[in-house]
Full PDB file with SEQRES, HELIX, SHEET, SSBOND, CRYST1, ORIGX, SCALE, CONECT and MASTER records, all heavy atoms in Angstrom:
SEQRES   1 A   39  THR SER ARG VAL ARG PRO TRP ASN TYR ALA PRO TYR GLU          
SEQRES   2 A   39  ASN GLN TYR VAL ASN VAL ALA GLU THR PHE ALA ARG GLY          
SEQRES   3 A   39  HIS ASP ALA LYS SER VAL PRO ALA CYS LEU CYS GLY GLN          
HELIX    1 AA1 SER A    2  VAL A    4  5                                   3    
HELIX    2 AA2 ALA A   10  TYR A   12  5                                   3    
HELIX    3 AA3 ALA A   20  GLY A   26  1                                   7    
CRYST1    1.000    1.000    1.000  90.00  90.00  90.00 P 1           1          
ORIGX1      1.000000  0.000000  0.000000        0.00000                         
ORIGX2      0.000000  1.000000  0.000000        0.00000                         
ORIGX3      0.000000  0.000000  1.000000        0.00000                         
SCALE1      1.000000  0.000000  0.000000        0.00000                         
SCALE2      0.000000  1.000000  0.000000        0.00000                         
SCALE3      0.000000  0.000000  1.000000        0.00000                         
ATOM      1  N   THR A   1     294.409  88.851 106.619  1.00  0.00           N  
ATOM      2  CA  THR A   1     293.529  90.087 106.696  1.00  0.00           C  
ATOM      3  C   THR A   1     293.165  90.274 108.215  1.00  0.00           C  
ATOM      4  O   THR A   1     293.205  89.409 109.003  1.00  0.00           O  
ATOM      5  CB  THR A   1     292.306  89.936 105.847  1.00  0.00           C  
ATOM      6  OG1 THR A   1     291.446  90.967 106.070  1.00  0.00           O  
ATOM      7  CG2 THR A   1     291.685  88.560 106.167  1.00  0.00           C  
ATOM      8  N   SER A   2     292.778  91.523 108.470  1.00  0.00           N  
ATOM      9  CA  SER A   2     292.279  91.759 109.805  1.00  0.00           C  
ATOM     10  C   SER A   2     290.961  91.177 110.131  1.00  0.00           C  
ATOM     11  O   SER A   2     290.557  91.059 111.322  1.00  0.00           O  
ATOM     12  CB  SER A   2     292.152  93.328 110.012  1.00  0.00           C  
ATOM     13  OG  SER A   2     291.290  93.820 109.084  1.00  0.00           O  
ATOM     14  N   ARG A   3     290.345  90.606 109.104  1.00  0.00           N  
ATOM     15  CA  ARG A   3     289.075  89.964 109.275  1.00  0.00           C  
ATOM     16  C   ARG A   3     289.151  88.549 110.087  1.00  0.00           C  
ATOM     17  O   ARG A   3     288.182  88.053 110.528  1.00  0.00           O  
ATOM     18  CB  ARG A   3     288.362  89.681 107.918  1.00  0.00           C  
ATOM     19  CG  ARG A   3     287.898  90.972 107.290  1.00  0.00           C  
ATOM     20  CD  ARG A   3     287.356  90.763 105.890  1.00  0.00           C  
ATOM     21  NE  ARG A   3     286.472  89.620 105.814  1.00  0.00           N  
ATOM     22  CZ  ARG A   3     285.160  89.656 105.497  1.00  0.00           C  
ATOM     23  NH1 ARG A   3     284.702  90.791 105.201  1.00  0.00           N  
ATOM     24  NH2 ARG A   3     284.449  88.610 105.436  1.00  0.00           N  
ATOM     25  N   VAL A   4     290.415  88.044 110.131  1.00  0.00           N  
ATOM     26  CA  VAL A   4     290.623  86.835 110.903  1.00  0.00           C  
ATOM     27  C   VAL A   4     291.286  87.070 112.168  1.00  0.00           C  
ATOM     28  O   VAL A   4     291.773  86.131 112.830  1.00  0.00           O  
ATOM     29  CB  VAL A   4     291.443  85.806 109.999  1.00  0.00           C  
ATOM     30  CG1 VAL A   4     290.586  85.357 108.805  1.00  0.00           C  
ATOM     31  CG2 VAL A   4     292.704  86.303 109.754  1.00  0.00           C  
ATOM     32  N   ARG A   5     291.375  88.240 112.479  1.00  0.00           N  
ATOM     33  CA  ARG A   5     291.930  88.592 113.823  1.00  0.00           C  
ATOM     34  C   ARG A   5     290.949  88.806 114.951  1.00  0.00           C  
ATOM     35  O   ARG A   5     289.780  89.204 114.557  1.00  0.00           O  
ATOM     36  CB  ARG A   5     292.834  89.865 113.703  1.00  0.00           C  
ATOM     37  CG  ARG A   5     293.974  89.625 112.678  1.00  0.00           C  
ATOM     38  CD  ARG A   5     294.948  90.774 112.753  1.00  0.00           C  
ATOM     39  NE  ARG A   5     295.937  90.622 111.698  1.00  0.00           N  
ATOM     40  CZ  ARG A   5     297.010  89.872 111.704  1.00  0.00           C  
ATOM     41  NH1 ARG A   5     297.277  89.190 112.839  1.00  0.00           N  
ATOM     42  NH2 ARG A   5     297.857  89.868 110.736  1.00  0.00           N  
ATOM     43  N   PRO A   6     291.223  88.641 116.153  1.00  0.00           N  
ATOM     44  CA  PRO A   6     292.454  88.471 116.676  1.00  0.00           C  
ATOM     45  C   PRO A   6     292.844  86.977 116.623  1.00  0.00           C  
ATOM     46  O   PRO A   6     291.973  86.099 116.674  1.00  0.00           O  
ATOM     47  CB  PRO A   6     292.336  88.885 118.206  1.00  0.00           C  
ATOM     48  CG  PRO A   6     290.932  88.693 118.478  1.00  0.00           C  
ATOM     49  CD  PRO A   6     290.158  88.949 117.157  1.00  0.00           C  
ATOM     50  N   TRP A   7     294.043  86.739 116.269  1.00  0.00           N  
ATOM     51  CA  TRP A   7     294.575  85.337 116.207  1.00  0.00           C  
ATOM     52  C   TRP A   7     294.558  84.730 117.613  1.00  0.00           C  
ATOM     53  O   TRP A   7     294.756  85.502 118.598  1.00  0.00           O  
ATOM     54  CB  TRP A   7     296.066  85.273 115.751  1.00  0.00           C  
ATOM     55  CG  TRP A   7     296.224  85.659 114.325  1.00  0.00           C  
ATOM     56  CD1 TRP A   7     296.504  86.896 113.902  1.00  0.00           C  
ATOM     57  CD2 TRP A   7     296.011  84.923 113.162  1.00  0.00           C  
ATOM     58  NE1 TRP A   7     296.592  86.980 112.508  1.00  0.00           N  
ATOM     59  CE2 TRP A   7     296.287  85.723 112.056  1.00  0.00           C  
ATOM     60  CE3 TRP A   7     295.718  83.509 113.010  1.00  0.00           C  
ATOM     61  CZ2 TRP A   7     296.273  85.264 110.803  1.00  0.00           C  
ATOM     62  CZ3 TRP A   7     295.655  83.078 111.664  1.00  0.00           C  
ATOM     63  CH2 TRP A   7     295.911  83.935 110.608  1.00  0.00           C  
ATOM     64  N   ASN A   8     294.195  83.488 117.862  1.00  0.00           N  
ATOM     65  CA  ASN A   8     294.199  82.955 119.155  1.00  0.00           C  
ATOM     66  C   ASN A   8     295.252  81.902 119.172  1.00  0.00           C  
ATOM     67  O   ASN A   8     295.076  80.738 118.702  1.00  0.00           O  
ATOM     68  CB  ASN A   8     292.798  82.346 119.448  1.00  0.00           C  
ATOM     69  CG  ASN A   8     292.733  81.729 120.796  1.00  0.00           C  
ATOM     70  OD1 ASN A   8     293.719  81.742 121.521  1.00  0.00           O  
ATOM     71  ND2 ASN A   8     291.507  81.304 121.237  1.00  0.00           N  
ATOM     72  N   TYR A   9     296.318  82.133 119.916  1.00  0.00           N  
ATOM     73  CA  TYR A   9     297.426  81.154 120.128  1.00  0.00           C  
ATOM     74  C   TYR A   9     297.353  80.599 121.504  1.00  0.00           C  
ATOM     75  O   TYR A   9     298.315  80.013 122.058  1.00  0.00           O  
ATOM     76  CB  TYR A   9     298.699  81.814 119.892  1.00  0.00           C  
ATOM     77  CG  TYR A   9     298.944  82.339 118.494  1.00  0.00           C  
ATOM     78  CD1 TYR A   9     298.975  83.591 118.116  1.00  0.00           C  
ATOM     79  CD2 TYR A   9     299.273  81.275 117.497  1.00  0.00           C  
ATOM     80  CE1 TYR A   9     299.167  84.014 116.829  1.00  0.00           C  
ATOM     81  CE2 TYR A   9     299.441  81.717 116.114  1.00  0.00           C  
ATOM     82  CZ  TYR A   9     299.328  83.026 115.848  1.00  0.00           C  
ATOM     83  OH  TYR A   9     299.602  83.480 114.545  1.00  0.00           O  
ATOM     84  N   ALA A  10     296.253  80.725 122.252  1.00  0.00           N  
ATOM     85  CA  ALA A  10     296.195  80.361 123.644  1.00  0.00           C  
ATOM     86  C   ALA A  10     296.819  79.006 123.973  1.00  0.00           C  
ATOM     87  O   ALA A  10     297.526  78.851 124.883  1.00  0.00           O  
ATOM     88  CB  ALA A  10     294.696  80.464 124.099  1.00  0.00           C  
ATOM     89  N   PRO A  11     296.454  77.913 123.169  1.00  0.00           N  
ATOM     90  CA  PRO A  11     297.020  76.662 123.490  1.00  0.00           C  
ATOM     91  C   PRO A  11     298.513  76.561 123.329  1.00  0.00           C  
ATOM     92  O   PRO A  11     299.139  75.634 123.865  1.00  0.00           O  
ATOM     93  CB  PRO A  11     296.350  75.650 122.488  1.00  0.00           C  
ATOM     94  CG  PRO A  11     295.231  76.409 121.927  1.00  0.00           C  
ATOM     95  CD  PRO A  11     295.556  77.882 122.058  1.00  0.00           C  
ATOM     96  N   TYR A  12     299.081  77.566 122.620  1.00  0.00           N  
ATOM     97  CA  TYR A  12     300.590  77.410 122.341  1.00  0.00           C  
ATOM     98  C   TYR A  12     301.356  78.639 122.801  1.00  0.00           C  
ATOM     99  O   TYR A  12     302.484  78.832 122.350  1.00  0.00           O  
ATOM    100  CB  TYR A  12     300.740  77.283 120.873  1.00  0.00           C  
ATOM    101  CG  TYR A  12     299.967  76.177 120.227  1.00  0.00           C  
ATOM    102  CD1 TYR A  12     298.735  76.405 119.614  1.00  0.00           C  
ATOM    103  CD2 TYR A  12     300.351  74.819 120.449  1.00  0.00           C  
ATOM    104  CE1 TYR A  12     297.983  75.384 119.091  1.00  0.00           C  
ATOM    105  CE2 TYR A  12     299.519  73.778 119.983  1.00  0.00           C  
ATOM    106  CZ  TYR A  12     298.407  74.044 119.328  1.00  0.00           C  
ATOM    107  OH  TYR A  12     297.607  73.028 118.778  1.00  0.00           O  
ATOM    108  N   GLU A  13     300.774  79.452 123.659  1.00  0.00           N  
ATOM    109  CA  GLU A  13     301.502  80.645 124.139  1.00  0.00           C  
ATOM    110  C   GLU A  13     302.841  80.149 124.807  1.00  0.00           C  
ATOM    111  O   GLU A  13     302.877  79.233 125.523  1.00  0.00           O  
ATOM    112  CB  GLU A  13     300.647  81.371 125.185  1.00  0.00           C  
ATOM    113  CG  GLU A  13     299.476  82.128 124.496  1.00  0.00           C  
ATOM    114  CD  GLU A  13     298.704  82.897 125.481  1.00  0.00           C  
ATOM    115  OE1 GLU A  13     298.967  82.921 126.748  1.00  0.00           O  
ATOM    116  OE2 GLU A  13     297.637  83.453 125.050  1.00  0.00           O  
ATOM    117  N   ASN A  14     303.864  80.925 124.455  1.00  0.00           N  
ATOM    118  CA  ASN A  14     305.201  80.690 125.000  1.00  0.00           C  
ATOM    119  C   ASN A  14     305.795  79.346 124.526  1.00  0.00           C  
ATOM    120  O   ASN A  14     306.682  78.871 125.304  1.00  0.00           O  
ATOM    121  CB  ASN A  14     305.215  80.948 126.457  1.00  0.00           C  
ATOM    122  CG  ASN A  14     304.793  82.299 126.893  1.00  0.00           C  
ATOM    123  OD1 ASN A  14     305.183  83.313 126.344  1.00  0.00           O  
ATOM    124  ND2 ASN A  14     303.944  82.415 127.832  1.00  0.00           N  
ATOM    125  N   GLN A  15     305.328  78.834 123.500  1.00  0.00           N  
ATOM    126  CA  GLN A  15     305.998  77.608 123.004  1.00  0.00           C  
ATOM    127  C   GLN A  15     305.712  77.546 121.490  1.00  0.00           C  
ATOM    128  O   GLN A  15     304.842  78.172 120.963  1.00  0.00           O  
ATOM    129  CB  GLN A  15     305.382  76.341 123.743  1.00  0.00           C  
ATOM    130  CG  GLN A  15     303.808  76.181 123.532  1.00  0.00           C  
ATOM    131  CD  GLN A  15     303.351  75.005 124.252  1.00  0.00           C  
ATOM    132  OE1 GLN A  15     303.873  73.956 124.342  1.00  0.00           O  
ATOM    133  NE2 GLN A  15     302.082  75.163 124.787  1.00  0.00           N  
ATOM    134  N   TYR A  16     306.428  76.672 120.855  1.00  0.00           N  
ATOM    135  CA  TYR A  16     306.201  76.465 119.420  1.00  0.00           C  
ATOM    136  C   TYR A  16     305.140  75.298 119.314  1.00  0.00           C  
ATOM    137  O   TYR A  16     304.886  74.476 120.153  1.00  0.00           O  
ATOM    138  CB  TYR A  16     307.565  75.964 118.694  1.00  0.00           C  
ATOM    139  CG  TYR A  16     308.101  74.694 119.184  1.00  0.00           C  
ATOM    140  CD1 TYR A  16     307.776  73.526 118.509  1.00  0.00           C  
ATOM    141  CD2 TYR A  16     308.963  74.673 120.217  1.00  0.00           C  
ATOM    142  CE1 TYR A  16     308.321  72.306 118.945  1.00  0.00           C  
ATOM    143  CE2 TYR A  16     309.533  73.421 120.643  1.00  0.00           C  
ATOM    144  CZ  TYR A  16     309.183  72.266 120.021  1.00  0.00           C  
ATOM    145  OH  TYR A  16     309.742  71.097 120.404  1.00  0.00           O  
ATOM    146  N   VAL A  17     304.535  75.341 118.114  1.00  0.00           N  
ATOM    147  CA  VAL A  17     303.493  74.325 117.841  1.00  0.00           C  
ATOM    148  C   VAL A  17     304.137  73.039 117.435  1.00  0.00           C  
ATOM    149  O   VAL A  17     304.965  72.994 116.491  1.00  0.00           O  
ATOM    150  CB  VAL A  17     302.493  74.851 116.751  1.00  0.00           C  
ATOM    151  CG1 VAL A  17     301.417  73.785 116.390  1.00  0.00           C  
ATOM    152  CG2 VAL A  17     301.871  76.103 117.060  1.00  0.00           C  
ATOM    153  N   ASN A  18     303.885  72.011 118.168  1.00  0.00           N  
ATOM    154  CA  ASN A  18     304.494  70.686 117.801  1.00  0.00           C  
ATOM    155  C   ASN A  18     303.352  69.626 117.673  1.00  0.00           C  
ATOM    156  O   ASN A  18     302.679  69.331 118.734  1.00  0.00           O  
ATOM    157  CB  ASN A  18     305.410  70.330 119.008  1.00  0.00           C  
ATOM    158  CG  ASN A  18     306.095  68.996 118.739  1.00  0.00           C  
ATOM    159  OD1 ASN A  18     305.848  68.276 117.826  1.00  0.00           O  
ATOM    160  ND2 ASN A  18     306.932  68.659 119.682  1.00  0.00           N  
ATOM    161  N   VAL A  19     303.238  69.155 116.454  1.00  0.00           N  
ATOM    162  CA  VAL A  19     302.118  68.123 116.250  1.00  0.00           C  
ATOM    163  C   VAL A  19     302.706  66.768 116.360  1.00  0.00           C  
ATOM    164  O   VAL A  19     302.006  65.681 116.040  1.00  0.00           O  
ATOM    165  CB  VAL A  19     301.491  68.353 114.912  1.00  0.00           C  
ATOM    166  CG1 VAL A  19     300.766  69.677 114.878  1.00  0.00           C  
ATOM    167  CG2 VAL A  19     302.495  68.215 113.760  1.00  0.00           C  
ATOM    168  N   ALA A  20     303.943  66.554 116.764  1.00  0.00           N  
ATOM    169  CA  ALA A  20     304.533  65.241 116.832  1.00  0.00           C  
ATOM    170  C   ALA A  20     303.831  64.275 117.753  1.00  0.00           C  
ATOM    171  O   ALA A  20     303.569  63.131 117.421  1.00  0.00           O  
ATOM    172  CB  ALA A  20     306.014  65.345 117.123  1.00  0.00           C  
ATOM    173  N   GLU A  21     303.385  64.769 118.833  1.00  0.00           N  
ATOM    174  CA  GLU A  21     302.752  63.887 119.818  1.00  0.00           C  
ATOM    175  C   GLU A  21     301.406  63.516 119.345  1.00  0.00           C  
ATOM    176  O   GLU A  21     300.997  62.325 119.463  1.00  0.00           O  
ATOM    177  CB  GLU A  21     302.621  64.576 121.261  1.00  0.00           C  
ATOM    178  CG  GLU A  21     303.918  64.754 121.951  1.00  0.00           C  
ATOM    179  CD  GLU A  21     303.833  65.442 123.193  1.00  0.00           C  
ATOM    180  OE1 GLU A  21     302.706  65.599 123.733  1.00  0.00           O  
ATOM    181  OE2 GLU A  21     304.849  65.848 123.761  1.00  0.00           O  
ATOM    182  N   THR A  22     300.657  64.395 118.681  1.00  0.00           N  
ATOM    183  CA  THR A  22     299.366  64.081 118.137  1.00  0.00           C  
ATOM    184  C   THR A  22     299.514  63.018 117.005  1.00  0.00           C  
ATOM    185  O   THR A  22     298.773  62.099 116.886  1.00  0.00           O  
ATOM    186  CB  THR A  22     298.708  65.389 117.544  1.00  0.00           C  
ATOM    187  OG1 THR A  22     298.624  66.318 118.471  1.00  0.00           O  
ATOM    188  CG2 THR A  22     297.323  65.114 116.922  1.00  0.00           C  
ATOM    189  N   PHE A  23     300.604  63.219 116.191  1.00  0.00           N  
ATOM    190  CA  PHE A  23     300.827  62.248 115.151  1.00  0.00           C  
ATOM    191  C   PHE A  23     301.176  60.842 115.685  1.00  0.00           C  
ATOM    192  O   PHE A  23     300.619  59.891 115.317  1.00  0.00           O  
ATOM    193  CB  PHE A  23     302.000  62.769 114.243  1.00  0.00           C  
ATOM    194  CG  PHE A  23     302.321  61.780 113.155  1.00  0.00           C  
ATOM    195  CD1 PHE A  23     301.746  61.745 111.970  1.00  0.00           C  
ATOM    196  CD2 PHE A  23     303.471  60.894 113.342  1.00  0.00           C  
ATOM    197  CE1 PHE A  23     302.033  60.901 111.025  1.00  0.00           C  
ATOM    198  CE2 PHE A  23     303.729  59.982 112.379  1.00  0.00           C  
ATOM    199  CZ  PHE A  23     303.023  59.940 111.243  1.00  0.00           C  
ATOM    200  N   ALA A  24     301.962  60.886 116.737  1.00  0.00           N  
ATOM    201  CA  ALA A  24     302.281  59.552 117.374  1.00  0.00           C  
ATOM    202  C   ALA A  24     301.181  58.838 117.904  1.00  0.00           C  
ATOM    203  O   ALA A  24     301.079  57.675 117.758  1.00  0.00           O  
ATOM    204  CB  ALA A  24     303.446  59.777 118.423  1.00  0.00           C  
ATOM    205  N   ARG A  25     300.268  59.611 118.593  1.00  0.00           N  
ATOM    206  CA  ARG A  25     299.068  58.939 119.145  1.00  0.00           C  
ATOM    207  C   ARG A  25     298.154  58.365 118.135  1.00  0.00           C  
ATOM    208  O   ARG A  25     297.518  57.330 118.288  1.00  0.00           O  
ATOM    209  CB  ARG A  25     298.246  60.012 119.918  1.00  0.00           C  
ATOM    210  CG  ARG A  25     298.843  60.200 121.353  1.00  0.00           C  
ATOM    211  CD  ARG A  25     297.831  61.012 122.252  1.00  0.00           C  
ATOM    212  NE  ARG A  25     297.380  62.266 121.617  1.00  0.00           N  
ATOM    213  CZ  ARG A  25     297.988  63.424 121.763  1.00  0.00           C  
ATOM    214  NH1 ARG A  25     299.069  63.581 122.534  1.00  0.00           N  
ATOM    215  NH2 ARG A  25     297.444  64.507 121.183  1.00  0.00           N  
ATOM    216  N   GLY A  26     298.203  58.971 116.895  1.00  0.00           N  
ATOM    217  CA  GLY A  26     297.248  58.474 115.828  1.00  0.00           C  
ATOM    218  C   GLY A  26     297.861  57.508 114.925  1.00  0.00           C  
ATOM    219  O   GLY A  26     297.321  56.932 113.973  1.00  0.00           O  
ATOM    220  N   HIS A  27     299.200  57.180 115.047  1.00  0.00           N  
ATOM    221  CA  HIS A  27     299.917  56.292 114.148  1.00  0.00           C  
ATOM    222  C   HIS A  27     300.113  54.947 114.848  1.00  0.00           C  
ATOM    223  O   HIS A  27     300.868  54.856 115.759  1.00  0.00           O  
ATOM    224  CB  HIS A  27     301.257  56.912 113.746  1.00  0.00           C  
ATOM    225  CG  HIS A  27     301.813  56.312 112.577  1.00  0.00           C  
ATOM    226  ND1 HIS A  27     301.508  56.645 111.334  1.00  0.00           N  
ATOM    227  CD2 HIS A  27     302.658  55.234 112.416  1.00  0.00           C  
ATOM    228  CE1 HIS A  27     302.221  55.868 110.409  1.00  0.00           C  
ATOM    229  NE2 HIS A  27     302.921  55.081 111.122  1.00  0.00           N  
ATOM    230  N   ASP A  28     299.502  53.950 114.432  1.00  0.00           N  
ATOM    231  CA  ASP A  28     299.650  52.581 114.967  1.00  0.00           C  
ATOM    232  C   ASP A  28     299.618  51.663 113.750  1.00  0.00           C  
ATOM    233  O   ASP A  28     299.435  52.008 112.615  1.00  0.00           O  
ATOM    234  CB  ASP A  28     298.690  52.246 115.986  1.00  0.00           C  
ATOM    235  CG  ASP A  28     297.248  52.362 115.559  1.00  0.00           C  
ATOM    236  OD1 ASP A  28     297.006  52.033 114.309  1.00  0.00           O  
ATOM    237  OD2 ASP A  28     296.359  52.600 116.319  1.00  0.00           O  
ATOM    238  N   ALA A  29     299.737  50.377 114.055  1.00  0.00           N  
ATOM    239  CA  ALA A  29     299.754  49.350 113.033  1.00  0.00           C  
ATOM    240  C   ALA A  29     298.536  49.361 112.149  1.00  0.00           C  
ATOM    241  O   ALA A  29     298.562  48.860 110.966  1.00  0.00           O  
ATOM    242  CB  ALA A  29     300.002  47.995 113.586  1.00  0.00           C  
ATOM    243  N   LYS A  30     297.366  49.837 112.660  1.00  0.00           N  
ATOM    244  CA  LYS A  30     296.152  49.849 111.877  1.00  0.00           C  
ATOM    245  C   LYS A  30     296.028  51.088 110.995  1.00  0.00           C  
ATOM    246  O   LYS A  30     295.144  51.165 110.134  1.00  0.00           O  
ATOM    247  CB  LYS A  30     294.949  49.820 112.775  1.00  0.00           C  
ATOM    248  CG  LYS A  30     294.935  48.425 113.630  1.00  0.00           C  
ATOM    249  CD  LYS A  30     293.777  48.541 114.625  1.00  0.00           C  
ATOM    250  CE  LYS A  30     293.925  47.338 115.592  1.00  0.00           C  
ATOM    251  NZ  LYS A  30     293.047  47.525 116.719  1.00  0.00           N  
ATOM    252  N   SER A  31     296.922  52.117 111.201  1.00  0.00           N  
ATOM    253  CA  SER A  31     296.688  53.336 110.471  1.00  0.00           C  
ATOM    254  C   SER A  31     297.484  53.293 109.179  1.00  0.00           C  
ATOM    255  O   SER A  31     297.930  52.284 108.715  1.00  0.00           O  
ATOM    256  CB  SER A  31     297.244  54.417 111.370  1.00  0.00           C  
ATOM    257  OG  SER A  31     298.574  54.369 111.555  1.00  0.00           O  
ATOM    258  N   VAL A  32     297.528  54.424 108.526  1.00  0.00           N  
ATOM    259  CA  VAL A  32     298.282  54.418 107.276  1.00  0.00           C  
ATOM    260  C   VAL A  32     299.617  53.815 107.371  1.00  0.00           C  
ATOM    261  O   VAL A  32     300.416  54.177 108.331  1.00  0.00           O  
ATOM    262  CB  VAL A  32     298.456  55.973 106.777  1.00  0.00           C  
ATOM    263  CG1 VAL A  32     299.230  56.098 105.522  1.00  0.00           C  
ATOM    264  CG2 VAL A  32     297.064  56.532 106.651  1.00  0.00           C  
ATOM    265  N   PRO A  33     300.014  52.924 106.492  1.00  0.00           N  
ATOM    266  CA  PRO A  33     301.199  52.142 106.739  1.00  0.00           C  
ATOM    267  C   PRO A  33     302.507  52.880 106.437  1.00  0.00           C  
ATOM    268  O   PRO A  33     303.583  52.432 106.867  1.00  0.00           O  
ATOM    269  CB  PRO A  33     301.049  50.972 105.722  1.00  0.00           C  
ATOM    270  CG  PRO A  33     300.143  51.526 104.665  1.00  0.00           C  
ATOM    271  CD  PRO A  33     299.253  52.502 105.333  1.00  0.00           C  
ATOM    272  N   ALA A  34     302.417  54.103 105.903  1.00  0.00           N  
ATOM    273  CA  ALA A  34     303.683  54.859 105.656  1.00  0.00           C  
ATOM    274  C   ALA A  34     303.407  56.358 105.627  1.00  0.00           C  
ATOM    275  O   ALA A  34     302.349  56.765 105.443  1.00  0.00           O  
ATOM    276  CB  ALA A  34     304.244  54.410 104.242  1.00  0.00           C  
ATOM    277  N   CYS A  35     304.478  57.072 106.041  1.00  0.00           N  
ATOM    278  CA  CYS A  35     304.343  58.550 106.053  1.00  0.00           C  
ATOM    279  C   CYS A  35     305.708  59.146 105.713  1.00  0.00           C  
ATOM    280  O   CYS A  35     306.738  58.760 106.208  1.00  0.00           O  
ATOM    281  CB  CYS A  35     304.067  58.961 107.531  1.00  0.00           C  
ATOM    282  SG  CYS A  35     303.814  60.767 107.611  1.00  0.00           S  
ATOM    283  N   LEU A  36     305.700  60.110 104.811  1.00  0.00           N  
ATOM    284  CA  LEU A  36     306.867  60.897 104.429  1.00  0.00           C  
ATOM    285  C   LEU A  36     306.813  62.200 105.045  1.00  0.00           C  
ATOM    286  O   LEU A  36     305.880  63.015 104.910  1.00  0.00           O  
ATOM    287  CB  LEU A  36     306.891  61.076 102.895  1.00  0.00           C  
ATOM    288  CG  LEU A  36     308.033  61.997 102.337  1.00  0.00           C  
ATOM    289  CD1 LEU A  36     309.363  61.380 102.712  1.00  0.00           C  
ATOM    290  CD2 LEU A  36     307.815  62.241 100.882  1.00  0.00           C  
ATOM    291  N   CYS A  37     307.798  62.570 105.967  1.00  0.00           N  
ATOM    292  CA  CYS A  37     307.923  63.792 106.613  1.00  0.00           C  
ATOM    293  C   CYS A  37     308.931  64.649 105.980  1.00  0.00           C  
ATOM    294  O   CYS A  37     310.052  64.371 106.014  1.00  0.00           O  
ATOM    295  CB  CYS A  37     308.308  63.501 108.120  1.00  0.00           C  
ATOM    296  SG  CYS A  37     308.563  65.021 108.987  1.00  0.00           S  
ATOM    297  N   GLY A  38     308.421  65.635 105.271  1.00  0.00           N  
ATOM    298  CA  GLY A  38     309.326  66.599 104.565  1.00  0.00           C  
ATOM    299  C   GLY A  38     309.369  67.856 105.297  1.00  0.00           C  
ATOM    300  O   GLY A  38     308.346  68.535 105.662  1.00  0.00           O  
ATOM    301  N   GLN A  39     310.498  68.402 105.603  1.00  0.00           N  
ATOM    302  CA  GLN A  39     310.759  69.615 106.276  1.00  0.00           C  
ATOM    303  C   GLN A  39     312.152  70.183 106.063  1.00  0.00           C  
ATOM    304  O   GLN A  39     312.952  69.631 105.491  1.00  0.00           O  
ATOM    305  CB  GLN A  39     310.457  69.487 107.835  1.00  0.00           C  
ATOM    306  CG  GLN A  39     311.500  68.630 108.456  1.00  0.00           C  
ATOM    307  CD  GLN A  39     311.121  68.376 110.001  1.00  0.00           C  
ATOM    308  OE1 GLN A  39     310.134  67.758 110.220  1.00  0.00           O  
ATOM    309  NE2 GLN A  39     311.970  68.786 110.857  1.00  0.00           N  
TER     310      GLN A  39                                                      
MASTER        0    0    0    3    0    0    0    6  309    1    0    3          
END                                                                             
C-alpha cells in the first residue's frame, strides 16, 4: 500500500540485499547448532 511508502532502500542502493555476512557473524559454536537454507 502507499501507506508504507516511501520505501527506504538507502543501505542497499545499487546492490542486492545480502544477509550472508550478518548470518556468518551470528553463527558460531554457541549458537543454533544447525541451519537449513532453502532457496
